[in-house]
PDB file of N, CA and C in Angstrom:
ATOM      1  N   MET A   1     -16.168   2.033  11.461  1.00  0.00           N
ATOM      2  CA  MET A   1     -14.948   2.792  11.487  1.00  0.00           C
ATOM      3  C   MET A   1     -15.291   4.276  11.350  1.00  0.00           C
ATOM      4  N   ASN A   2     -14.719   5.081  12.223  1.00  0.00           N
ATOM      5  CA  ASN A   2     -14.936   6.521  12.195  1.00  0.00           C
ATOM      6  C   ASN A   2     -13.619   7.190  11.802  1.00  0.00           C
ATOM      7  N   ARG A   3     -13.418   7.418  10.510  1.00  0.00           N
ATOM      8  CA  ARG A   3     -12.163   7.966   9.982  1.00  0.00           C
ATOM      9  C   ARG A   3     -12.121   9.474  10.184  1.00  0.00           C
ATOM     10  N   THR A   4     -10.940   9.967  10.548  1.00  0.00           N
ATOM     11  CA  THR A   4     -10.718  11.399  10.702  1.00  0.00           C
ATOM     12  C   THR A   4      -9.794  11.867   9.587  1.00  0.00           C
ATOM     13  N   GLU A   5     -10.163  12.940   8.907  1.00  0.00           N
ATOM     14  CA  GLU A   5      -9.319  13.477   7.841  1.00  0.00           C
ATOM     15  C   GLU A   5      -8.128  14.208   8.445  1.00  0.00           C
ATOM     16  N   ILE A   6      -6.991  14.141   7.766  1.00  0.00           N
ATOM     17  CA  ILE A   6      -5.773  14.789   8.240  1.00  0.00           C
ATOM     18  C   ILE A   6      -5.961  16.301   8.334  1.00  0.00           C
ATOM     19  N   ALA A   7      -6.676  16.904   7.404  1.00  0.00           N
ATOM     20  CA  ALA A   7      -6.936  18.348   7.453  1.00  0.00           C
ATOM     21  C   ALA A   7      -7.649  18.729   8.754  1.00  0.00           C
ATOM     22  N   LYS A   8      -8.571  17.902   9.190  1.00  0.00           N
ATOM     23  CA  LYS A   8      -9.310  18.155  10.427  1.00  0.00           C
ATOM     24  C   LYS A   8      -8.385  18.041  11.639  1.00  0.00           C
ATOM     25  N   LEU A   9      -7.429  17.111  11.580  1.00  0.00           N
ATOM     26  CA  LEU A   9      -6.468  16.964  12.675  1.00  0.00           C
ATOM     27  C   LEU A   9      -5.630  18.223  12.842  1.00  0.00           C
ATOM     28  N   TYR A  10      -5.201  18.815  11.730  1.00  0.00           N
ATOM     29  CA  TYR A  10      -4.411  20.044  11.790  1.00  0.00           C
ATOM     30  C   TYR A  10      -5.258  21.238  12.225  1.00  0.00           C
ATOM     31  N   ALA A  11      -6.496  21.296  11.786  1.00  0.00           N
ATOM     32  CA  ALA A  11      -7.371  22.420  12.124  1.00  0.00           C
ATOM     33  C   ALA A  11      -7.787  22.394  13.595  1.00  0.00           C
ATOM     34  N   LEU A  12      -7.986  21.198  14.133  1.00  0.00           N
ATOM     35  CA  LEU A  12      -8.484  21.050  15.506  1.00  0.00           C
ATOM     36  C   LEU A  12      -7.553  20.165  16.338  1.00  0.00           C
ATOM     37  N   ALA A  13      -6.261  20.408  16.270  1.00  0.00           N
ATOM     38  CA  ALA A  13      -5.258  19.551  16.914  1.00  0.00           C
ATOM     39  C   ALA A  13      -5.513  19.369  18.408  1.00  0.00           C
ATOM     40  N   GLY A  14      -5.848  20.431  19.092  1.00  0.00           N
ATOM     41  CA  GLY A  14      -6.089  20.349  20.530  1.00  0.00           C
ATOM     42  C   GLY A  14      -7.242  19.431  20.898  1.00  0.00           C
ATOM     43  N   GLU A  15      -8.222  19.369  20.037  1.00  0.00           N
ATOM     44  CA  GLU A  15      -9.404  18.540  20.282  1.00  0.00           C
ATOM     45  C   GLU A  15      -9.079  17.042  20.194  1.00  0.00           C
ATOM     46  N   PHE A  16      -8.083  16.693  19.370  1.00  0.00           N
ATOM     47  CA  PHE A  16      -7.748  15.286  19.146  1.00  0.00           C
ATOM     48  C   PHE A  16      -6.519  14.825  19.926  1.00  0.00           C
ATOM     49  N   ALA A  17      -5.772  15.742  20.534  1.00  0.00           N
ATOM     50  CA  ALA A  17      -4.527  15.401  21.236  1.00  0.00           C
ATOM     51  C   ALA A  17      -4.780  14.377  22.340  1.00  0.00           C
ATOM     52  N   GLY A  18      -3.990  13.317  22.325  1.00  0.00           N
ATOM     53  CA  GLY A  18      -4.091  12.277  23.340  1.00  0.00           C
ATOM     54  C   GLY A  18      -5.224  11.289  23.140  1.00  0.00           C
ATOM     55  N   LYS A  19      -6.002  11.460  22.088  1.00  0.00           N
ATOM     56  CA  LYS A  19      -7.137  10.567  21.826  1.00  0.00           C
ATOM     57  C   LYS A  19      -6.804   9.571  20.726  1.00  0.00           C
ATOM     58  N   GLU A  20      -7.470   8.430  20.765  1.00  0.00           N
ATOM     59  CA  GLU A  20      -7.289   7.426  19.713  1.00  0.00           C
ATOM     60  C   GLU A  20      -8.065   7.869  18.474  1.00  0.00           C
ATOM     61  N   ILE A  21      -7.389   7.820  17.329  1.00  0.00           N
ATOM     62  CA  ILE A  21      -7.998   8.227  16.064  1.00  0.00           C
ATOM     63  C   ILE A  21      -7.751   7.164  15.007  1.00  0.00           C
ATOM     64  N   THR A  22      -8.508   7.232  13.934  1.00  0.00           N
ATOM     65  CA  THR A  22      -8.324   6.369  12.771  1.00  0.00           C
ATOM     66  C   THR A  22      -8.126   7.268  11.562  1.00  0.00           C
ATOM     67  N   VAL A  23      -7.031   7.033  10.838  1.00  0.00           N
ATOM     68  CA  VAL A  23      -6.763   7.771   9.605  1.00  0.00           C
ATOM     69  C   VAL A  23      -6.490   6.775   8.487  1.00  0.00           C
ATOM     70  N   CYS A  24      -6.828   7.171   7.287  1.00  0.00           N
ATOM     71  CA  CYS A  24      -6.570   6.363   6.100  1.00  0.00           C
ATOM     72  C   CYS A  24      -5.826   7.238   5.102  1.00  0.00           C
ATOM     73  N   GLY A  25      -4.900   6.650   4.373  1.00  0.00           N
ATOM     74  CA  GLY A  25      -4.181   7.437   3.392  1.00  0.00           C
ATOM     75  C   GLY A  25      -3.134   6.619   2.673  1.00  0.00           C
ATOM     76  N   TRP A  26      -2.311   7.324   1.921  1.00  0.00           N
ATOM     77  CA  TRP A  26      -1.278   6.695   1.109  1.00  0.00           C
ATOM     78  C   TRP A  26       0.095   7.070   1.643  1.00  0.00           C
ATOM     79  N   ILE A  27       1.019   6.137   1.594  1.00  0.00           N
ATOM     80  CA  ILE A  27       2.385   6.385   2.050  1.00  0.00           C
ATOM     81  C   ILE A  27       3.065   7.341   1.079  1.00  0.00           C
ATOM     82  N   ARG A  28       3.572   8.468   1.602  1.00  0.00           N
ATOM     83  CA  ARG A  28       4.324   9.436   0.783  1.00  0.00           C
ATOM     84  C   ARG A  28       5.819   9.195   0.940  1.00  0.00           C
ATOM     85  N   THR A  29       6.274   8.996   2.189  1.00  0.00           N
ATOM     86  CA  THR A  29       7.672   8.659   2.451  1.00  0.00           C
ATOM     87  C   THR A  29       7.709   7.629   3.564  1.00  0.00           C
ATOM     88  N   PHE A  30       8.825   6.912   3.610  1.00  0.00           N
ATOM     89  CA  PHE A  30       8.977   5.851   4.604  1.00  0.00           C
ATOM     90  C   PHE A  30      10.449   5.714   4.945  1.00  0.00           C
ATOM     91  N   ARG A  31      10.769   5.672   6.234  1.00  0.00           N
ATOM     92  CA  ARG A  31      12.134   5.382   6.647  1.00  0.00           C
ATOM     93  C   ARG A  31      12.111   4.537   7.919  1.00  0.00           C
ATOM     94  N   GLU A  32      13.098   3.669   8.026  1.00  0.00           N
ATOM     95  CA  GLU A  32      13.154   2.731   9.145  1.00  0.00           C
ATOM     96  C   GLU A  32      14.582   2.621   9.647  1.00  0.00           C
ATOM     97  N   SER A  33      14.720   2.488  10.970  1.00  0.00           N
ATOM     98  CA  SER A  33      16.024   2.305  11.577  1.00  0.00           C
ATOM     99  C   SER A  33      15.868   1.690  12.958  1.00  0.00           C
ATOM    100  N   LYS A  34      16.546   0.591  13.185  1.00  0.00           N
ATOM    101  CA  LYS A  34      16.631  -0.038  14.511  1.00  0.00           C
ATOM    102  C   LYS A  34      15.274  -0.311  15.160  1.00  0.00           C
ATOM    103  N   GLY A  35      14.355  -0.866  14.414  1.00  0.00           N
ATOM    104  CA  GLY A  35      13.067  -1.264  14.970  1.00  0.00           C
ATOM    105  C   GLY A  35      12.039  -0.161  15.113  1.00  0.00           C
ATOM    106  N   ILE A  36      12.331   1.018  14.564  1.00  0.00           N
ATOM    107  CA  ILE A  36      11.364   2.118  14.568  1.00  0.00           C
ATOM    108  C   ILE A  36      11.213   2.605  13.133  1.00  0.00           C
ATOM    109  N   ALA A  37       9.975   2.814  12.710  1.00  0.00           N
ATOM    110  CA  ALA A  37       9.717   3.287  11.349  1.00  0.00           C
ATOM    111  C   ALA A  37       8.884   4.567  11.407  1.00  0.00           C
ATOM    112  N   PHE A  38       9.156   5.448  10.445  1.00  0.00           N
ATOM    113  CA  PHE A  38       8.445   6.720  10.316  1.00  0.00           C
ATOM    114  C   PHE A  38       7.778   6.737   8.955  1.00  0.00           C
ATOM    115  N   ILE A  39       6.463   6.910   8.960  1.00  0.00           N
ATOM    116  CA  ILE A  39       5.682   6.912   7.731  1.00  0.00           C
ATOM    117  C   ILE A  39       4.996   8.273   7.601  1.00  0.00           C
ATOM    118  N   GLU A  40       5.167   8.912   6.456  1.00  0.00           N
ATOM    119  CA  GLU A  40       4.432  10.138   6.155  1.00  0.00           C
ATOM    120  C   GLU A  40       3.191   9.718   5.382  1.00  0.00           C
ATOM    121  N   LEU A  41       2.020   9.965   5.938  1.00  0.00           N
ATOM    122  CA  LEU A  41       0.751   9.529   5.371  1.00  0.00           C
ATOM    123  C   LEU A  41      -0.032  10.744   4.877  1.00  0.00           C
ATOM    124  N   ASN A  42      -0.651  10.637   3.697  1.00  0.00           N
ATOM    125  CA  ASN A  42      -1.454  11.719   3.145  1.00  0.00           C
ATOM    126  C   ASN A  42      -2.772  11.147   2.645  1.00  0.00           C
ATOM    127  N   ASP A  43      -3.880  11.820   2.985  1.00  0.00           N
ATOM    128  CA  ASP A  43      -5.199  11.334   2.562  1.00  0.00           C
ATOM    129  C   ASP A  43      -5.845  12.209   1.491  1.00  0.00           C
ATOM    130  N   GLY A  44      -5.133  13.245   1.033  1.00  0.00           N
ATOM    131  CA  GLY A  44      -5.681  14.109  -0.008  1.00  0.00           C
ATOM    132  C   GLY A  44      -6.563  15.224   0.498  1.00  0.00           C
ATOM    133  N   SER A  45      -6.806  15.292   1.800  1.00  0.00           N
ATOM    134  CA  SER A  45      -7.671  16.342   2.336  1.00  0.00           C
ATOM    135  C   SER A  45      -6.932  17.673   2.493  1.00  0.00           C
ATOM    136  N   CYS A  46      -5.598  17.630   2.484  1.00  0.00           N
ATOM    137  CA  CYS A  46      -4.766  18.833   2.547  1.00  0.00           C
ATOM    138  C   CYS A  46      -3.383  18.485   2.016  1.00  0.00           C
ATOM    139  N   PHE A  47      -2.528  19.490   1.880  1.00  0.00           N
ATOM    140  CA  PHE A  47      -1.187  19.252   1.358  1.00  0.00           C
ATOM    141  C   PHE A  47      -0.240  18.678   2.409  1.00  0.00           C
ATOM    142  N   LYS A  48      -0.580  18.834   3.682  1.00  0.00           N
ATOM    143  CA  LYS A  48       0.284  18.346   4.761  1.00  0.00           C
ATOM    144  C   LYS A  48       0.144  16.835   4.920  1.00  0.00           C
ATOM    145  N   ASN A  49       1.240  16.225   5.381  1.00  0.00           N
ATOM    146  CA  ASN A  49       1.242  14.802   5.690  1.00  0.00           C
ATOM    147  C   ASN A  49       1.146  14.625   7.202  1.00  0.00           C
ATOM    148  N   LEU A  50       0.758  13.435   7.617  1.00  0.00           N
ATOM    149  CA  LEU A  50       0.730  13.070   9.027  1.00  0.00           C
ATOM    150  C   LEU A  50       1.843  12.064   9.253  1.00  0.00           C
ATOM    151  N   GLN A  51       2.695  12.319  10.244  1.00  0.00           N
ATOM    152  CA  GLN A  51       3.768  11.364  10.528  1.00  0.00           C
ATOM    153  C   GLN A  51       3.246  10.284  11.459  1.00  0.00           C
ATOM    154  N   VAL A  52       3.419   9.035  11.029  1.00  0.00           N
ATOM    155  CA  VAL A  52       3.027   7.873  11.814  1.00  0.00           C
ATOM    156  C   VAL A  52       4.312   7.193  12.271  1.00  0.00           C
ATOM    157  N   VAL A  53       4.427   6.943  13.572  1.00  0.00           N
ATOM    158  CA  VAL A  53       5.608   6.276  14.124  1.00  0.00           C
ATOM    159  C   VAL A  53       5.180   4.899  14.602  1.00  0.00           C
ATOM    160  N   ILE A  54       5.883   3.869  14.128  1.00  0.00           N
ATOM    161  CA  ILE A  54       5.582   2.506  14.565  1.00  0.00           C
ATOM    162  C   ILE A  54       6.844   1.864  15.131  1.00  0.00           C
ATOM    163  N   GLU A  55       6.659   0.998  16.128  1.00  0.00           N
ATOM    164  CA  GLU A  55       7.778   0.318  16.770  1.00  0.00           C
ATOM    165  C   GLU A  55       7.614  -1.192  16.614  1.00  0.00           C
ATOM    166  N   GLU A  56       8.707  -1.836  16.302  1.00  0.00           N
ATOM    167  CA  GLU A  56       8.686  -3.291  16.116  1.00  0.00           C
ATOM    168  C   GLU A  56       8.270  -4.003  17.398  1.00  0.00           C
ATOM    169  N   SER A  57       8.665  -3.486  18.549  1.00  0.00           N
ATOM    170  CA  SER A  57       8.381  -4.148  19.828  1.00  0.00           C
ATOM    171  C   SER A  57       6.904  -4.093  20.225  1.00  0.00           C
ATOM    172  N   THR A  58       6.130  -3.198  19.630  1.00  0.00           N
ATOM    173  CA  THR A  58       4.727  -3.049  20.030  1.00  0.00           C
ATOM    174  C   THR A  58       3.720  -3.389  18.936  1.00  0.00           C
ATOM    175  N   LEU A  59       4.200  -3.779  17.764  1.00  0.00           N
ATOM    176  CA  LEU A  59       3.297  -4.014  16.637  1.00  0.00           C
ATOM    177  C   LEU A  59       3.548  -5.395  16.031  1.00  0.00           C
ATOM    178  N   GLU A  60       2.526  -6.236  16.039  1.00  0.00           N
ATOM    179  CA  GLU A  60       2.656  -7.607  15.524  1.00  0.00           C
ATOM    180  C   GLU A  60       3.041  -7.664  14.057  1.00  0.00           C
ATOM    181  N   ASN A  61       2.440  -6.826  13.223  1.00  0.00           N
ATOM    182  CA  ASN A  61       2.671  -6.890  11.775  1.00  0.00           C
ATOM    183  C   ASN A  61       3.682  -5.846  11.294  1.00  0.00           C
ATOM    184  N   TYR A  62       4.642  -5.501  12.143  1.00  0.00           N
ATOM    185  CA  TYR A  62       5.658  -4.500  11.809  1.00  0.00           C
ATOM    186  C   TYR A  62       6.406  -4.858  10.529  1.00  0.00           C
ATOM    187  N   LYS A  63       6.866  -6.083  10.422  1.00  0.00           N
ATOM    188  CA  LYS A  63       7.631  -6.513   9.235  1.00  0.00           C
ATOM    189  C   LYS A  63       6.791  -6.391   7.964  1.00  0.00           C
ATOM    190  N   GLU A  64       5.520  -6.751   8.034  1.00  0.00           N
ATOM    191  CA  GLU A  64       4.628  -6.648   6.884  1.00  0.00           C
ATOM    192  C   GLU A  64       4.461  -5.191   6.447  1.00  0.00           C
ATOM    193  N   ILE A  65       4.310  -4.304   7.412  1.00  0.00           N
ATOM    194  CA  ILE A  65       4.140  -2.889   7.093  1.00  0.00           C
ATOM    195  C   ILE A  65       5.419  -2.318   6.489  1.00  0.00           C
ATOM    196  N   THR A  66       6.570  -2.687   7.023  1.00  0.00           N
ATOM    197  CA  THR A  66       7.833  -2.135   6.522  1.00  0.00           C
ATOM    198  C   THR A  66       8.177  -2.627   5.118  1.00  0.00           C
ATOM    199  N   ARG A  67       7.487  -3.629   4.623  1.00  0.00           N
ATOM    200  CA  ARG A  67       7.703  -4.096   3.254  1.00  0.00           C
ATOM    201  C   ARG A  67       6.819  -3.380   2.231  1.00  0.00           C
ATOM    202  N   GLN A  68       5.986  -2.449   2.680  1.00  0.00           N
ATOM    203  CA  GLN A  68       5.098  -1.726   1.769  1.00  0.00           C
ATOM    204  C   GLN A  68       5.883  -0.681   0.984  1.00  0.00           C
ATOM    205  N   ASN A  69       5.397  -0.345  -0.178  1.00  0.00           N
ATOM    206  CA  ASN A  69       6.036   0.636  -1.050  1.00  0.00           C
ATOM    207  C   ASN A  69       5.374   1.995  -0.933  1.00  0.00           C
ATOM    208  N   ILE A  70       6.055   3.010  -1.445  1.00  0.00           N
ATOM    209  CA  ILE A  70       5.473   4.347  -1.526  1.00  0.00           C
ATOM    210  C   ILE A  70       4.196   4.249  -2.366  1.00  0.00           C
ATOM    211  N   GLY A  71       3.128   4.879  -1.905  1.00  0.00           N
ATOM    212  CA  GLY A  71       1.856   4.834  -2.612  1.00  0.00           C
ATOM    213  C   GLY A  71       0.897   3.782  -2.089  1.00  0.00           C
ATOM    214  N   ALA A  72       1.378   2.891  -1.225  1.00  0.00           N
ATOM    215  CA  ALA A  72       0.493   1.876  -0.653  1.00  0.00           C
ATOM    216  C   ALA A  72      -0.513   2.545   0.282  1.00  0.00           C
ATOM    217  N   ALA A  73      -1.718   2.027   0.320  1.00  0.00           N
ATOM    218  CA  ALA A  73      -2.770   2.576   1.176  1.00  0.00           C
ATOM    219  C   ALA A  73      -2.727   1.904   2.544  1.00  0.00           C
ATOM    220  N   LEU A  74      -2.870   2.716   3.583  1.00  0.00           N
ATOM    221  CA  LEU A  74      -2.874   2.207   4.955  1.00  0.00           C
ATOM    222  C   LEU A  74      -4.066   2.746   5.718  1.00  0.00           C
ATOM    223  N   LEU A  75      -4.542   1.954   6.658  1.00  0.00           N
ATOM    224  CA  LEU A  75      -5.508   2.376   7.651  1.00  0.00           C
ATOM    225  C   LEU A  75      -4.757   2.301   8.967  1.00  0.00           C
ATOM    226  N   VAL A  76      -4.674   3.412   9.692  1.00  0.00           N
ATOM    227  CA  VAL A  76      -3.884   3.474  10.918  1.00  0.00           C
ATOM    228  C   VAL A  76      -4.783   3.873  12.073  1.00  0.00           C
ATOM    229  N   VAL A  77      -4.690   3.116  13.161  1.00  0.00           N
ATOM    230  CA  VAL A  77      -5.399   3.438  14.397  1.00  0.00           C
ATOM    231  C   VAL A  77      -4.332   3.677  15.450  1.00  0.00           C
ATOM    232  N   GLY A  78      -4.400   4.826  16.099  1.00  0.00           N
ATOM    233  CA  GLY A  78      -3.412   5.135  17.124  1.00  0.00           C
ATOM    234  C   GLY A  78      -3.774   6.401  17.882  1.00  0.00           C
ATOM    235  N   THR A  79      -2.890   6.786  18.781  1.00  0.00           N
ATOM    236  CA  THR A  79      -3.085   7.969  19.600  1.00  0.00           C
ATOM    237  C   THR A  79      -2.343   9.149  18.993  1.00  0.00           C
ATOM    238  N   LEU A  80      -3.021  10.278  18.885  1.00  0.00           N
ATOM    239  CA  LEU A  80      -2.404  11.485  18.347  1.00  0.00           C
ATOM    240  C   LEU A  80      -1.561  12.141  19.426  1.00  0.00           C
ATOM    241  N   VAL A  81      -0.282  12.338  19.106  1.00  0.00           N
ATOM    242  CA  VAL A  81       0.659  12.953  20.061  1.00  0.00           C
ATOM    243  C   VAL A  81       1.075  14.297  19.520  1.00  0.00           C
TER     244      VAL A  81
END
């Protein structure tokens, strides 16, 4: 696993845009509506959070993820938009 720190994503956003990345961190906020969930993830590398968007129609374990609490640790693989 090649993890990318959130601070590095903000510093070099153009370099990572459109590419698949792996981030790890803790849930700071979470909201869900109509099969789409928004997770604010923070890894401690900076004060900014990374917003992760997940859709029920494209993710097998969507229900499992939406049952997590604030502070739960996640490993996320996806494309930076």
